[in-house]
C-alpha atoms as a PDB file:
ATOM      1  CA  MET A   1     -36.256 -54.492  97.484  1.00  0.00           C
ATOM      2  CA  ILE A   2     -34.353 -57.373  98.954  1.00  0.00           C
ATOM      3  CA  TYR A   3     -33.579 -60.259  96.615  1.00  0.00           C
ATOM      4  CA  ILE A   4     -32.235 -63.691  97.486  1.00  0.00           C
ATOM      5  CA  GLY A   5     -30.875 -65.827  94.669  1.00  0.00           C
ATOM      6  CA  ASP A   6     -29.081 -69.130  94.417  1.00  0.00           C
ATOM      7  CA  GLY A   7     -27.510 -69.404  90.985  1.00  0.00           C
ATOM      8  CA  LEU A   8     -26.218 -67.940  87.759  1.00  0.00           C
ATOM      9  CA  THR A   9     -29.733 -67.383  86.425  1.00  0.00           C
ATOM     10  CA  ASP A  10     -30.269 -64.822  89.204  1.00  0.00           C
ATOM     11  CA  ILE A  11     -27.500 -62.517  87.948  1.00  0.00           C
ATOM     12  CA  PRO A  12     -29.846 -60.307  85.865  1.00  0.00           C
ATOM     13  CA  CYS A  13     -32.079 -59.858  88.931  1.00  0.00           C
ATOM     14  CA  PHE A  14     -29.080 -59.077  91.140  1.00  0.00           C
ATOM     15  CA  ARG A  15     -28.042 -56.402  88.672  1.00  0.00           C
ATOM     16  CA  LEU A  16     -31.519 -54.873  88.408  1.00  0.00           C
ATOM     17  CA  VAL A  17     -32.069 -54.794  92.172  1.00  0.00           C
ATOM     18  CA  ASP A  18     -28.574 -53.433  92.826  1.00  0.00           C
ATOM     19  CA  ASP A  19     -28.967 -50.704  90.189  1.00  0.00           C
ATOM     20  CA  ASN A  20     -32.160 -49.599  91.956  1.00  0.00           C
ATOM     21  CA  LYS A  21     -30.529 -49.444  95.400  1.00  0.00           C
ATOM     22  CA  GLY A  22     -31.916 -52.729  96.676  1.00  0.00           C
ATOM     23  CA  LYS A  23     -29.962 -55.388  98.540  1.00  0.00           C
ATOM     24  CA  CYS A  24     -29.041 -58.732  97.027  1.00  0.00           C
ATOM     25  CA  PHE A  25     -27.980 -61.853  98.843  1.00  0.00           C
ATOM     26  CA  CYS A  26     -26.924 -65.172  97.429  1.00  0.00           C
ATOM     27  CA  VAL A  27     -27.359 -68.535  99.043  1.00  0.00           C
ATOM     28  CA  LEU A  28     -25.172 -71.487  98.237  1.00  0.00           C
ATOM     29  CA  ASP A  29     -26.351 -75.056  98.104  1.00  0.00           C
ATOM     30  CA  LYS A  30     -23.694 -77.382  99.482  1.00  0.00           C
ATOM     31  CA  GLY A  31     -24.792 -79.961  96.931  1.00  0.00           C
ATOM     32  CA  LYS A  32     -23.451 -78.030  93.908  1.00  0.00           C
ATOM     33  CA  ASN A  33     -20.145 -79.152  92.477  1.00  0.00           C
ATOM     34  CA  ILE A  34     -17.091 -77.038  93.259  1.00  0.00           C
ATOM     35  CA  SER A  35     -16.553 -75.705  89.699  1.00  0.00           C
ATOM     36  CA  ALA A  36     -20.124 -74.393  89.598  1.00  0.00           C
ATOM     37  CA  LYS A  37     -19.573 -72.658  92.958  1.00  0.00           C
ATOM     38  CA  ILE A  38     -16.364 -70.999  91.736  1.00  0.00           C
ATOM     39  CA  LYS A  39     -18.074 -69.801  88.561  1.00  0.00           C
ATOM     40  CA  PHE A  40     -20.996 -68.477  90.596  1.00  0.00           C
ATOM     41  CA  PHE A  41     -18.713 -66.612  93.017  1.00  0.00           C
ATOM     42  CA  LYS A  42     -16.796 -64.957  90.183  1.00  0.00           C
ATOM     43  CA  LYS A  43     -19.955 -63.801  88.419  1.00  0.00           C
ATOM     44  CA  ILE A  44     -21.602 -62.496  91.586  1.00  0.00           C
ATOM     45  CA  PHE A  45     -18.879 -61.102  93.808  1.00  0.00           C
ATOM     46  CA  GLU A  46     -16.315 -59.626  91.412  1.00  0.00           C
ATOM     47  CA  PRO A  47     -18.711 -56.898  90.246  1.00  0.00           C
ATOM     48  CA  LYS A  48     -20.146 -56.716  93.813  1.00  0.00           C
ATOM     49  CA  ARG A  49     -23.669 -57.559  92.684  1.00  0.00           C
ATOM     50  CA  ALA A  50     -24.618 -59.435  95.838  1.00  0.00           C
ATOM     51  CA  MET A  51     -23.732 -59.641  99.491  1.00  0.00           C
ATOM     52  CA  GLY A  52     -22.829 -62.835 101.226  1.00  0.00           C
ATOM     53  CA  GLY A  53     -22.489 -66.388 100.125  1.00  0.00           C
ATOM     54  CA  CYS A  54     -24.493 -67.934 102.891  1.00  0.00           C
ATOM     55  CA  ILE A  55     -26.054 -71.255 103.624  1.00  0.00           C
ATOM     56  CA  PRO A  56     -29.849 -70.816 103.329  1.00  0.00           C
ATOM     57  CA  ARG A  57     -30.611 -70.691 107.042  1.00  0.00           C
ATOM     58  CA  TYR A  58     -32.549 -67.757 108.432  1.00  0.00           C
ATOM     59  CA  GLY A  59     -32.493 -68.237 112.215  1.00  0.00           C
ATOM     60  CA  LYS A  60     -31.337 -65.608 114.692  1.00  0.00           C
ATOM     61  CA  ASN A  61     -27.945 -67.304 115.004  1.00  0.00           C
ATOM     62  CA  ASN A  62     -27.387 -67.773 111.262  1.00  0.00           C
ATOM     63  CA  SER A  63     -25.428 -65.398 109.038  1.00  0.00           C
ATOM     64  CA  LEU A  64     -28.081 -65.003 106.358  1.00  0.00           C
ATOM     65  CA  GLY A  65     -30.850 -64.437 108.891  1.00  0.00           C
ATOM     66  CA  ASN A  66     -28.790 -61.735 110.595  1.00  0.00           C
ATOM     67  CA  LEU A  67     -27.891 -60.067 107.294  1.00  0.00           C
ATOM     68  CA  LEU A  68     -31.522 -59.994 106.187  1.00  0.00           C
ATOM     69  CA  ARG A  69     -32.760 -58.573 109.486  1.00  0.00           C
ATOM     70  CA  THR A  70     -30.069 -55.891 109.326  1.00  0.00           C
ATOM     71  CA  ALA A  71     -31.001 -54.999 105.733  1.00  0.00           C
ATOM     72  CA  VAL A  72     -34.695 -54.691 106.655  1.00  0.00           C
ATOM     73  CA  ALA A  73     -33.941 -52.596 109.761  1.00  0.00           C
ATOM     74  CA  THR A  74     -31.673 -50.321 107.734  1.00  0.00           C
ATOM     75  CA  LYS A  75     -34.350 -49.820 105.071  1.00  0.00           C
ATOM     76  CA  ILE A  76     -36.954 -49.041 107.724  1.00  0.00           C
ATOM     77  CA  GLY A  77     -34.583 -46.469 109.235  1.00  0.00           C
ATOM     78  CA  ASP A  78     -34.064 -44.877 105.803  1.00  0.00           C
ATOM     79  CA  ILE A  79     -37.831 -44.629 105.247  1.00  0.00           C
ATOM     80  CA  ILE A  80     -38.380 -43.037 108.670  1.00  0.00           C
ATOM     81  CA  LEU A  81     -35.618 -40.494 108.058  1.00  0.00           C
ATOM     82  CA  GLU A  82     -37.025 -39.587 104.650  1.00  0.00           C
ATOM     83  CA  LYS A  83     -40.510 -39.061 106.104  1.00  0.00           C
ATOM     84  CA  LYS A  84     -39.164 -36.840 108.889  1.00  0.00           C
ATOM     85  CA  LYS A  85     -37.088 -34.874 106.387  1.00  0.00           C
ATOM     86  CA  ALA A  86     -40.157 -34.322 104.194  1.00  0.00           C
ATOM     87  CA  ARG A  87     -42.193 -33.057 107.188  1.00  0.00           C
ATOM     88  CA  GLU A  88     -39.494 -30.644 108.278  1.00  0.00           C
ATOM     89  CA  ILE A  89     -39.406 -28.977 104.864  1.00  0.00           C
ATOM     90  CA  PHE A  90     -43.060 -27.915 105.110  1.00  0.00           C
END
């Protein structure tokens, strides 16, 4: 699973997805006040619950878009390897 969250209320989801080997990304709204951003960063990144702190832009030249495409490609590669491994056993 890949999860994208944007605030403190997403922390339980980040934890659940991370514990089950998913990838979590957080997006930051430039409109939030600075103290809320600092609190959010501490809660998310200190325990390494999520990757990135990106602006919510998903284009091919944007950080979050590139991170998401890489995460999907990596997961696809893992699935293909697992299927080939299962076939080779039998």
